[in-house]
Each structure stands twice: as C-alpha cells, then as structure tokens.
Amino acid sequence: MLELGDEVEFEARHLGVTQRLRSKVVEYERPTRFVDEMQKGAFARMRHTHEFQPTASGTRMIDTLDFVAPFGPLGALGALIFLGAYMRRFLKGQTGS
C-alpha cells in the first residue's frame, strides 16, 4: 500500500512509444485521497490527484490530472490539439495503449 513519500516507477506505451515515469506521493489523506507528482518522465510537469468517494454501490474514484506538455510552446499547442483528449481517454481506459 502506498504511503506519503513513496516513489513508484512504471513503464507504459503511449502513441507507440514506451516511456518510463517516476512519481512520488506528495499528499496522502487515507482513505479519501492521495496526490502523486512526476519526478522523472516525458512531461514538463505532472500532478495526479486520486479521490475516493463512498457510494451506495461501492466507491467512486475521481482522477484529476494536471500536466504541462514538454517542448515549450510547441508542446502546449500539441496538448491543446491532441494530448488533452488523449490523456482523458487514457484515464478512462479507452486508449488501447
């Protein structure tokens, strides 16, 4: 189980490219939320908030991803045109990557 200060490194394939990312748990409020921030990876910055809400049928998880694309203004344009929608689909498990 993750705790405050833990770091996790994982590998994922996005858009045909295998990437390695390291994140650190920077906030932890068990059992309702935790936040991890990218320490190493492809983005200029990434912060991922995981919130857990009880429901009548179980638990609802809400993911909020705040990121800055790499490559400055060119990356910002790519995020606006494509990357934002791709990351939303990724969080919903709909990318096939």
PDB file of N, CA and C in Angstrom:
ATOM      1  N   MET A   1       0.843  -1.176   0.000  1.00  0.00           N
ATOM      2  CA  MET A   1       0.000   0.000   0.000  1.00  0.00           C
ATOM      3  C   MET A   1       0.898   1.253   0.000  1.00  0.00           C
ATOM      4  N   LEU A   2       0.532   2.224  -0.786  1.00  0.00           N
ATOM      5  CA  LEU A   2       1.311   3.456  -0.878  1.00  0.00           C
ATOM      6  C   LEU A   2       1.175   4.287   0.391  1.00  0.00           C
ATOM      7  N   GLU A   3       2.238   5.042   0.676  1.00  0.00           N
ATOM      8  CA  GLU A   3       2.254   5.965   1.796  1.00  0.00           C
ATOM      9  C   GLU A   3       2.910   7.266   1.356  1.00  0.00           C
ATOM     10  N   LEU A   4       2.771   8.296   2.171  1.00  0.00           N
ATOM     11  CA  LEU A   4       3.385   9.583   1.891  1.00  0.00           C
ATOM     12  C   LEU A   4       4.890   9.403   1.697  1.00  0.00           C
ATOM     13  N   GLY A   5       5.410   9.980   0.617  1.00  0.00           N
ATOM     14  CA  GLY A   5       6.839   9.912   0.330  1.00  0.00           C
ATOM     15  C   GLY A   5       7.261   8.753  -0.545  1.00  0.00           C
ATOM     16  N   ASP A   6       6.385   7.760  -0.733  1.00  0.00           N
ATOM     17  CA  ASP A   6       6.732   6.625  -1.592  1.00  0.00           C
ATOM     18  C   ASP A   6       6.923   7.079  -3.032  1.00  0.00           C
ATOM     19  N   GLU A   7       7.835   6.412  -3.726  1.00  0.00           N
ATOM     20  CA  GLU A   7       8.040   6.651  -5.150  1.00  0.00           C
ATOM     21  C   GLU A   7       7.724   5.376  -5.915  1.00  0.00           C
ATOM     22  N   VAL A   8       7.105   5.554  -7.066  1.00  0.00           N
ATOM     23  CA  VAL A   8       6.725   4.434  -7.917  1.00  0.00           C
ATOM     24  C   VAL A   8       7.268   4.718  -9.309  1.00  0.00           C
ATOM     25  N   GLU A   9       7.914   3.716  -9.899  1.00  0.00           N
ATOM     26  CA  GLU A   9       8.393   3.840 -11.271  1.00  0.00           C
ATOM     27  C   GLU A   9       7.662   2.818 -12.110  1.00  0.00           C
ATOM     28  N   PHE A  10       7.146   3.262 -13.244  1.00  0.00           N
ATOM     29  CA  PHE A  10       6.435   2.337 -14.112  1.00  0.00           C
ATOM     30  C   PHE A  10       6.702   2.669 -15.563  1.00  0.00           C
ATOM     31  N   GLU A  11       6.376   1.705 -16.396  1.00  0.00           N
ATOM     32  CA  GLU A  11       6.586   1.827 -17.826  1.00  0.00           C
ATOM     33  C   GLU A  11       5.237   1.697 -18.508  1.00  0.00           C
ATOM     34  N   ALA A  12       5.015   2.526 -19.512  1.00  0.00           N
ATOM     35  CA  ALA A  12       3.756   2.467 -20.262  1.00  0.00           C
ATOM     36  C   ALA A  12       4.047   2.790 -21.720  1.00  0.00           C
ATOM     37  N   ARG A  13       3.191   2.300 -22.576  1.00  0.00           N
ATOM     38  CA  ARG A  13       3.334   2.559 -24.012  1.00  0.00           C
ATOM     39  C   ARG A  13       2.238   3.543 -24.416  1.00  0.00           C
ATOM     40  N   HIS A  14       2.668   4.692 -24.914  1.00  0.00           N
ATOM     41  CA  HIS A  14       1.738   5.729 -25.355  1.00  0.00           C
ATOM     42  C   HIS A  14       2.103   6.143 -26.777  1.00  0.00           C
ATOM     43  N   LEU A  15       1.133   6.117 -27.626  1.00  0.00           N
ATOM     44  CA  LEU A  15       1.318   6.562 -29.011  1.00  0.00           C
ATOM     45  C   LEU A  15       2.474   5.830 -29.681  1.00  0.00           C
ATOM     46  N   GLY A  16       2.607   4.542 -29.330  1.00  0.00           N
ATOM     47  CA  GLY A  16       3.621   3.712 -29.941  1.00  0.00           C
ATOM     48  C   GLY A  16       5.009   3.856 -29.346  1.00  0.00           C
ATOM     49  N   VAL A  17       5.153   4.666 -28.307  1.00  0.00           N
ATOM     50  CA  VAL A  17       6.457   4.892 -27.691  1.00  0.00           C
ATOM     51  C   VAL A  17       6.419   4.401 -26.242  1.00  0.00           C
ATOM     52  N   THR A  18       7.385   3.555 -25.866  1.00  0.00           N
ATOM     53  CA  THR A  18       7.476   3.093 -24.486  1.00  0.00           C
ATOM     54  C   THR A  18       8.147   4.175 -23.654  1.00  0.00           C
ATOM     55  N   GLN A  19       7.496   4.539 -22.547  1.00  0.00           N
ATOM     56  CA  GLN A  19       8.009   5.596 -21.679  1.00  0.00           C
ATOM     57  C   GLN A  19       8.107   5.090 -20.252  1.00  0.00           C
ATOM     58  N   ARG A  20       9.082   5.583 -19.528  1.00  0.00           N
ATOM     59  CA  ARG A  20       9.252   5.272 -18.108  1.00  0.00           C
ATOM     60  C   ARG A  20       8.977   6.558 -17.318  1.00  0.00           C
ATOM     61  N   LEU A  21       8.216   6.419 -16.243  1.00  0.00           N
ATOM     62  CA  LEU A  21       7.827   7.566 -15.433  1.00  0.00           C
ATOM     63  C   LEU A  21       8.047   7.232 -13.962  1.00  0.00           C
ATOM     64  N   ARG A  22       8.532   8.186 -13.207  1.00  0.00           N
ATOM     65  CA  ARG A  22       8.661   8.015 -11.756  1.00  0.00           C
ATOM     66  C   ARG A  22       7.820   9.091 -11.082  1.00  0.00           C
ATOM     67  N   SER A  23       6.963   8.669 -10.154  1.00  0.00           N
ATOM     68  CA  SER A  23       6.108   9.588  -9.403  1.00  0.00           C
ATOM     69  C   SER A  23       6.341   9.411  -7.918  1.00  0.00           C
ATOM     70  N   LYS A  24       6.097  10.481  -7.178  1.00  0.00           N
ATOM     71  CA  LYS A  24       6.246  10.460  -5.721  1.00  0.00           C
ATOM     72  C   LYS A  24       4.923  10.888  -5.090  1.00  0.00           C
ATOM     73  N   VAL A  25       4.501  10.166  -4.046  1.00  0.00           N
ATOM     74  CA  VAL A  25       3.282  10.531  -3.310  1.00  0.00           C
ATOM     75  C   VAL A  25       3.620  11.734  -2.441  1.00  0.00           C
ATOM     76  N   VAL A  26       2.986  12.883  -2.743  1.00  0.00           N
ATOM     77  CA  VAL A  26       3.299  14.137  -2.053  1.00  0.00           C
ATOM     78  C   VAL A  26       2.197  14.566  -1.081  1.00  0.00           C
ATOM     79  N   GLU A  27       1.010  13.983  -1.214  1.00  0.00           N
ATOM     80  CA  GLU A  27      -0.084  14.216  -0.278  1.00  0.00           C
ATOM     81  C   GLU A  27      -0.787  12.884  -0.074  1.00  0.00           C
ATOM     82  N   TYR A  28      -1.229  12.646   1.172  1.00  0.00           N
ATOM     83  CA  TYR A  28      -1.862  11.364   1.469  1.00  0.00           C
ATOM     84  C   TYR A  28      -2.857  11.561   2.598  1.00  0.00           C
ATOM     85  N   GLU A  29      -4.131  11.394   2.294  1.00  0.00           N
ATOM     86  CA  GLU A  29      -5.208  11.532   3.271  1.00  0.00           C
ATOM     87  C   GLU A  29      -6.067  10.280   3.221  1.00  0.00           C
ATOM     88  N   ARG A  30      -5.565   9.226   3.834  1.00  0.00           N
ATOM     89  CA  ARG A  30      -6.273   7.949   3.815  1.00  0.00           C
ATOM     90  C   ARG A  30      -7.573   8.056   4.582  1.00  0.00           C
ATOM     91  N   PRO A  31      -8.673   7.599   4.060  1.00  0.00           N
ATOM     92  CA  PRO A  31      -8.860   6.806   2.844  1.00  0.00           C
ATOM     93  C   PRO A  31      -9.454   7.617   1.693  1.00  0.00           C
ATOM     94  N   THR A  32      -9.397   8.956   1.753  1.00  0.00           N
ATOM     95  CA  THR A  32     -10.151   9.745   0.779  1.00  0.00           C
ATOM     96  C   THR A  32      -9.364  10.249  -0.425  1.00  0.00           C
ATOM     97  N   ARG A  33      -8.037  10.403  -0.300  1.00  0.00           N
ATOM     98  CA  ARG A  33      -7.301  10.938  -1.451  1.00  0.00           C
ATOM     99  C   ARG A  33      -5.804  10.775  -1.272  1.00  0.00           C
ATOM    100  N   PHE A  34      -5.122  10.775  -2.422  1.00  0.00           N
ATOM    101  CA  PHE A  34      -3.675  10.944  -2.421  1.00  0.00           C
ATOM    102  C   PHE A  34      -3.280  11.619  -3.725  1.00  0.00           C
ATOM    103  N   VAL A  35      -2.125  12.257  -3.701  1.00  0.00           N
ATOM    104  CA  VAL A  35      -1.631  13.006  -4.851  1.00  0.00           C
ATOM    105  C   VAL A  35      -0.213  12.547  -5.140  1.00  0.00           C
ATOM    106  N   ASP A  36       0.056  12.274  -6.415  1.00  0.00           N
ATOM    107  CA  ASP A  36       1.434  11.974  -6.805  1.00  0.00           C
ATOM    108  C   ASP A  36       1.883  12.983  -7.848  1.00  0.00           C
ATOM    109  N   GLU A  37       3.175  13.278  -7.806  1.00  0.00           N
ATOM    110  CA  GLU A  37       3.770  14.201  -8.766  1.00  0.00           C
ATOM    111  C   GLU A  37       4.916  13.512  -9.483  1.00  0.00           C
ATOM    112  N   MET A  38       5.013  13.761 -10.779  1.00  0.00           N
ATOM    113  CA  MET A  38       6.062  13.169 -11.584  1.00  0.00           C
ATOM    114  C   MET A  38       7.416  13.713 -11.134  1.00  0.00           C
ATOM    115  N   GLN A  39       8.346  12.812 -10.920  1.00  0.00           N
ATOM    116  CA  GLN A  39       9.717  13.163 -10.574  1.00  0.00           C
ATOM    117  C   GLN A  39      10.625  13.052 -11.797  1.00  0.00           C
ATOM    118  N   LYS A  40      10.279  12.109 -12.676  1.00  0.00           N
ATOM    119  CA  LYS A  40      11.061  11.880 -13.887  1.00  0.00           C
ATOM    120  C   LYS A  40      10.118  11.324 -14.940  1.00  0.00           C
ATOM    121  N   GLY A  41      10.178  11.855 -16.149  1.00  0.00           N
ATOM    122  CA  GLY A  41       9.320  11.358 -17.213  1.00  0.00           C
ATOM    123  C   GLY A  41       9.236  12.332 -18.369  1.00  0.00           C
ATOM    124  N   ALA A  42       8.311  12.060 -19.263  1.00  0.00           N
ATOM    125  CA  ALA A  42       8.222  12.786 -20.526  1.00  0.00           C
ATOM    126  C   ALA A  42       7.607  14.178 -20.408  1.00  0.00           C
ATOM    127  N   PHE A  43       6.799  14.423 -19.386  1.00  0.00           N
ATOM    128  CA  PHE A  43       6.117  15.711 -19.267  1.00  0.00           C
ATOM    129  C   PHE A  43       7.025  16.747 -18.607  1.00  0.00           C
ATOM    130  N   ALA A  44       6.754  18.012 -18.882  1.00  0.00           N
ATOM    131  CA  ALA A  44       7.475  19.079 -18.185  1.00  0.00           C
ATOM    132  C   ALA A  44       7.062  19.080 -16.716  1.00  0.00           C
ATOM    133  N   ARG A  45       5.784  18.755 -16.447  1.00  0.00           N
ATOM    134  CA  ARG A  45       5.257  18.658 -15.087  1.00  0.00           C
ATOM    135  C   ARG A  45       3.984  17.840 -15.128  1.00  0.00           C
ATOM    136  N   MET A  46       3.759  17.035 -14.063  1.00  0.00           N
ATOM    137  CA  MET A  46       2.511  16.280 -13.965  1.00  0.00           C
ATOM    138  C   MET A  46       2.159  16.081 -12.491  1.00  0.00           C
ATOM    139  N   ARG A  47       0.906  16.362 -12.163  1.00  0.00           N
ATOM    140  CA  ARG A  47       0.370  16.167 -10.813  1.00  0.00           C
ATOM    141  C   ARG A  47      -0.940  15.395 -10.973  1.00  0.00           C
ATOM    142  N   HIS A  48      -1.070  14.280 -10.250  1.00  0.00           N
ATOM    143  CA  HIS A  48      -2.213  13.382 -10.406  1.00  0.00           C
ATOM    144  C   HIS A  48      -2.886  13.220  -9.040  1.00  0.00           C
ATOM    145  N   THR A  49      -4.122  13.694  -8.946  1.00  0.00           N
ATOM    146  CA  THR A  49      -4.902  13.592  -7.713  1.00  0.00           C
ATOM    147  C   THR A  49      -5.892  12.446  -7.855  1.00  0.00           C
ATOM    148  N   HIS A  50      -5.923  11.564  -6.851  1.00  0.00           N
ATOM    149  CA  HIS A  50      -6.835  10.419  -6.807  1.00  0.00           C
ATOM    150  C   HIS A  50      -7.764  10.643  -5.617  1.00  0.00           C
ATOM    151  N   GLU A  51      -9.067  10.754  -5.874  1.00  0.00           N
ATOM    152  CA  GLU A  51     -10.035  10.952  -4.792  1.00  0.00           C
ATOM    153  C   GLU A  51     -10.993   9.771  -4.761  1.00  0.00           C
ATOM    154  N   PHE A  52     -11.394   9.358  -3.554  1.00  0.00           N
ATOM    155  CA  PHE A  52     -12.264   8.204  -3.371  1.00  0.00           C
ATOM    156  C   PHE A  52     -13.490   8.628  -2.572  1.00  0.00           C
ATOM    157  N   GLN A  53     -14.668   8.403  -3.160  1.00  0.00           N
ATOM    158  CA  GLN A  53     -15.925   8.781  -2.521  1.00  0.00           C
ATOM    159  C   GLN A  53     -16.807   7.553  -2.374  1.00  0.00           C
ATOM    160  N   PRO A  54     -17.332   7.322  -1.152  1.00  0.00           N
ATOM    161  CA  PRO A  54     -18.249   6.198  -0.982  1.00  0.00           C
ATOM    162  C   PRO A  54     -19.561   6.446  -1.728  1.00  0.00           C
ATOM    163  N   THR A  55     -20.106   5.395  -2.316  1.00  0.00           N
ATOM    164  CA  THR A  55     -21.408   5.460  -2.976  1.00  0.00           C
ATOM    165  C   THR A  55     -22.254   4.300  -2.456  1.00  0.00           C
ATOM    166  N   ALA A  56     -23.508   4.281  -2.813  1.00  0.00           N
ATOM    167  CA  ALA A  56     -24.401   3.206  -2.376  1.00  0.00           C
ATOM    168  C   ALA A  56     -23.930   1.844  -2.889  1.00  0.00           C
ATOM    169  N   SER A  57     -23.271   1.827  -4.046  1.00  0.00           N
ATOM    170  CA  SER A  57     -22.867   0.548  -4.637  1.00  0.00           C
ATOM    171  C   SER A  57     -21.368   0.250  -4.498  1.00  0.00           C
ATOM    172  N   GLY A  58     -20.615   1.100  -3.803  1.00  0.00           N
ATOM    173  CA  GLY A  58     -19.181   0.842  -3.655  1.00  0.00           C
ATOM    174  C   GLY A  58     -18.405   2.123  -3.460  1.00  0.00           C
ATOM    175  N   THR A  59     -17.414   2.355  -4.316  1.00  0.00           N
ATOM    176  CA  THR A  59     -16.560   3.535  -4.215  1.00  0.00           C
ATOM    177  C   THR A  59     -16.386   4.155  -5.594  1.00  0.00           C
ATOM    178  N   ARG A  60     -16.484   5.460  -5.653  1.00  0.00           N
ATOM    179  CA  ARG A  60     -16.222   6.202  -6.893  1.00  0.00           C
ATOM    180  C   ARG A  60     -14.808   6.769  -6.794  1.00  0.00           C
ATOM    181  N   MET A  61     -14.003   6.545  -7.827  1.00  0.00           N
ATOM    182  CA  MET A  61     -12.671   7.128  -7.876  1.00  0.00           C
ATOM    183  C   MET A  61     -12.683   8.254  -8.893  1.00  0.00           C
ATOM    184  N   ILE A  62     -12.178   9.397  -8.492  1.00  0.00           N
ATOM    185  CA  ILE A  62     -12.089  10.557  -9.374  1.00  0.00           C
ATOM    186  C   ILE A  62     -10.618  10.883  -9.557  1.00  0.00           C
ATOM    187  N   ASP A  63     -10.157  10.868 -10.805  1.00  0.00           N
ATOM    188  CA  ASP A  63      -8.778  11.211 -11.141  1.00  0.00           C
ATOM    189  C   ASP A  63      -8.745  12.614 -11.732  1.00  0.00           C
ATOM    190  N   THR A  64      -7.848  13.437 -11.228  1.00  0.00           N
ATOM    191  CA  THR A  64      -7.615  14.753 -11.799  1.00  0.00           C
ATOM    192  C   THR A  64      -6.145  14.821 -12.178  1.00  0.00           C
ATOM    193  N   LEU A  65      -5.888  15.077 -13.437  1.00  0.00           N
ATOM    194  CA  LEU A  65      -4.526  15.101 -13.946  1.00  0.00           C
ATOM    195  C   LEU A  65      -4.215  16.517 -14.424  1.00  0.00           C
ATOM    196  N   ASP A  66      -3.203  17.112 -13.815  1.00  0.00           N
ATOM    197  CA  ASP A  66      -2.753  18.448 -14.195  1.00  0.00           C
ATOM    198  C   ASP A  66      -1.348  18.276 -14.768  1.00  0.00           C
ATOM    199  N   PHE A  67      -1.154  18.653 -16.014  1.00  0.00           N
ATOM    200  CA  PHE A  67       0.160  18.438 -16.629  1.00  0.00           C
ATOM    201  C   PHE A  67       0.533  19.583 -17.543  1.00  0.00           C
ATOM    202  N   VAL A  68       1.824  19.683 -17.762  1.00  0.00           N
ATOM    203  CA  VAL A  68       2.379  20.600 -18.749  1.00  0.00           C
ATOM    204  C   VAL A  68       3.165  19.736 -19.719  1.00  0.00           C
ATOM    205  N   ALA A  69       2.827  19.844 -20.993  1.00  0.00           N
ATOM    206  CA  ALA A  69       3.496  19.055 -22.026  1.00  0.00           C
ATOM    207  C   ALA A  69       4.948  19.518 -22.184  1.00  0.00           C
ATOM    208  N   PRO A  70       5.810  18.615 -22.629  1.00  0.00           N
ATOM    209  CA  PRO A  70       7.195  19.017 -22.915  1.00  0.00           C
ATOM    210  C   PRO A  70       7.262  19.864 -24.186  1.00  0.00           C
ATOM    211  N   PHE A  71       8.411  20.398 -24.476  1.00  0.00           N
ATOM    212  CA  PHE A  71       8.715  21.121 -25.724  1.00  0.00           C
ATOM    213  C   PHE A  71       8.119  22.521 -25.794  1.00  0.00           C
ATOM    214  N   GLY A  72       7.904  23.152 -24.645  1.00  0.00           N
ATOM    215  CA  GLY A  72       7.502  24.566 -24.602  1.00  0.00           C
ATOM    216  C   GLY A  72       6.250  24.877 -25.398  1.00  0.00           C
ATOM    217  N   PRO A  73       6.272  25.965 -26.191  1.00  0.00           N
ATOM    218  CA  PRO A  73       5.083  26.385 -26.936  1.00  0.00           C
ATOM    219  C   PRO A  73       4.574  25.328 -27.926  1.00  0.00           C
ATOM    220  N   LEU A  74       5.497  24.585 -28.531  1.00  0.00           N
ATOM    221  CA  LEU A  74       5.085  23.532 -29.464  1.00  0.00           C
ATOM    222  C   LEU A  74       4.330  22.436 -28.713  1.00  0.00           C
ATOM    223  N   GLY A  75       4.825  22.059 -27.529  1.00  0.00           N
ATOM    224  CA  GLY A  75       4.143  21.070 -26.698  1.00  0.00           C
ATOM    225  C   GLY A  75       2.789  21.568 -26.221  1.00  0.00           C
ATOM    226  N   ALA A  76       2.702  22.849 -25.874  1.00  0.00           N
ATOM    227  CA  ALA A  76       1.428  23.430 -25.440  1.00  0.00           C
ATOM    228  C   ALA A  76       0.402  23.366 -26.566  1.00  0.00           C
ATOM    229  N   LEU A  77       0.827  23.620 -27.785  1.00  0.00           N
ATOM    230  CA  LEU A  77      -0.072  23.520 -28.936  1.00  0.00           C
ATOM    231  C   LEU A  77      -0.530  22.076 -29.132  1.00  0.00           C
ATOM    232  N   GLY A  78       0.402  21.133 -29.027  1.00  0.00           N
ATOM    233  CA  GLY A  78       0.054  19.715 -29.141  1.00  0.00           C
ATOM    234  C   GLY A  78      -0.918  19.283 -28.064  1.00  0.00           C
ATOM    235  N   ALA A  79      -0.743  19.809 -26.843  1.00  0.00           N
ATOM    236  CA  ALA A  79      -1.661  19.481 -25.743  1.00  0.00           C
ATOM    237  C   ALA A  79      -3.049  20.008 -26.053  1.00  0.00           C
ATOM    238  N   LEU A  80      -3.106  21.206 -26.576  1.00  0.00           N
ATOM    239  CA  LEU A  80      -4.398  21.813 -26.917  1.00  0.00           C
ATOM    240  C   LEU A  80      -5.099  21.036 -28.030  1.00  0.00           C
ATOM    241  N   ILE A  81      -4.367  20.644 -29.043  1.00  0.00           N
ATOM    242  CA  ILE A  81      -4.958  19.974 -30.205  1.00  0.00           C
ATOM    243  C   ILE A  81      -5.259  18.501 -29.936  1.00  0.00           C
ATOM    244  N   PHE A  82      -4.368  17.810 -29.232  1.00  0.00           N
ATOM    245  CA  PHE A  82      -4.471  16.362 -29.173  1.00  0.00           C
ATOM    246  C   PHE A  82      -4.274  15.749 -27.787  1.00  0.00           C
ATOM    247  N   LEU A  83      -3.236  16.159 -27.079  1.00  0.00           N
ATOM    248  CA  LEU A  83      -2.802  15.457 -25.870  1.00  0.00           C
ATOM    249  C   LEU A  83      -3.837  15.490 -24.747  1.00  0.00           C
ATOM    250  N   GLY A  84      -4.532  16.609 -24.578  1.00  0.00           N
ATOM    251  CA  GLY A  84      -5.547  16.692 -23.526  1.00  0.00           C
ATOM    252  C   GLY A  84      -6.628  15.631 -23.693  1.00  0.00           C
ATOM    253  N   ALA A  85      -7.153  15.495 -24.899  1.00  0.00           N
ATOM    254  CA  ALA A  85      -8.188  14.490 -25.164  1.00  0.00           C
ATOM    255  C   ALA A  85      -7.625  13.076 -25.023  1.00  0.00           C
ATOM    256  N   TYR A  86      -6.393  12.874 -25.464  1.00  0.00           N
ATOM    257  CA  TYR A  86      -5.759  11.551 -25.344  1.00  0.00           C
ATOM    258  C   TYR A  86      -5.640  11.166 -23.873  1.00  0.00           C
ATOM    259  N   MET A  87      -5.181  12.081 -23.033  1.00  0.00           N
ATOM    260  CA  MET A  87      -4.993  11.776 -21.612  1.00  0.00           C
ATOM    261  C   MET A  87      -6.337  11.517 -20.924  1.00  0.00           C
ATOM    262  N   ARG A  88      -7.402  12.220 -21.312  1.00  0.00           N
ATOM    263  CA  ARG A  88      -8.736  11.930 -20.758  1.00  0.00           C
ATOM    264  C   ARG A  88      -9.156  10.509 -21.106  1.00  0.00           C
ATOM    265  N   ARG A  89      -8.953  10.102 -22.366  1.00  0.00           N
ATOM    266  CA  ARG A  89      -9.281   8.732 -22.773  1.00  0.00           C
ATOM    267  C   ARG A  89      -8.411   7.717 -22.031  1.00  0.00           C
ATOM    268  N   PHE A  90      -7.135   8.056 -21.842  1.00  0.00           N
ATOM    269  CA  PHE A  90      -6.216   7.172 -21.114  1.00  0.00           C
ATOM    270  C   PHE A  90      -6.711   6.920 -19.691  1.00  0.00           C
ATOM    271  N   LEU A  91      -7.102   7.970 -18.985  1.00  0.00           N
ATOM    272  CA  LEU A  91      -7.589   7.812 -17.610  1.00  0.00           C
ATOM    273  C   LEU A  91      -8.874   6.991 -17.543  1.00  0.00           C
ATOM    274  N   LYS A  92      -9.649   7.035 -18.606  1.00  0.00           N
ATOM    275  CA  LYS A  92     -10.885   6.236 -18.663  1.00  0.00           C
ATOM    276  C   LYS A  92     -10.621   4.825 -19.183  1.00  0.00           C
ATOM    277  N   GLY A  93      -9.370   4.519 -19.558  1.00  0.00           N
ATOM    278  CA  GLY A  93      -9.028   3.190 -20.056  1.00  0.00           C
ATOM    279  C   GLY A  93      -9.491   2.959 -21.479  1.00  0.00           C
ATOM    280  N   GLN A  94      -9.553   4.022 -22.276  1.00  0.00           N
ATOM    281  CA  GLN A  94     -10.111   3.911 -23.629  1.00  0.00           C
ATOM    282  C   GLN A  94      -9.085   4.174 -24.733  1.00  0.00           C
ATOM    283  N   THR A  95      -7.783   4.091 -24.434  1.00  0.00           N
ATOM    284  CA  THR A  95      -6.795   4.406 -25.469  1.00  0.00           C
ATOM    285  C   THR A  95      -6.300   3.202 -26.227  1.00  0.00           C
ATOM    286  N   GLY A  96      -6.413   2.017 -25.641  1.00  0.00           N
ATOM    287  CA  GLY A  96      -5.877   0.838 -26.288  1.00  0.00           C
ATOM    288  C   GLY A  96      -4.368   0.761 -26.234  1.00  0.00           C
ATOM    289  N   SER A  97      -3.728   1.677 -25.477  1.00  0.00           N
ATOM    290  CA  SER A  97      -2.261   1.675 -25.359  1.00  0.00           C
ATOM    291  C   SER A  97      -1.832   0.948 -24.120  1.00  0.00           C
TER     292      SER A  97
END
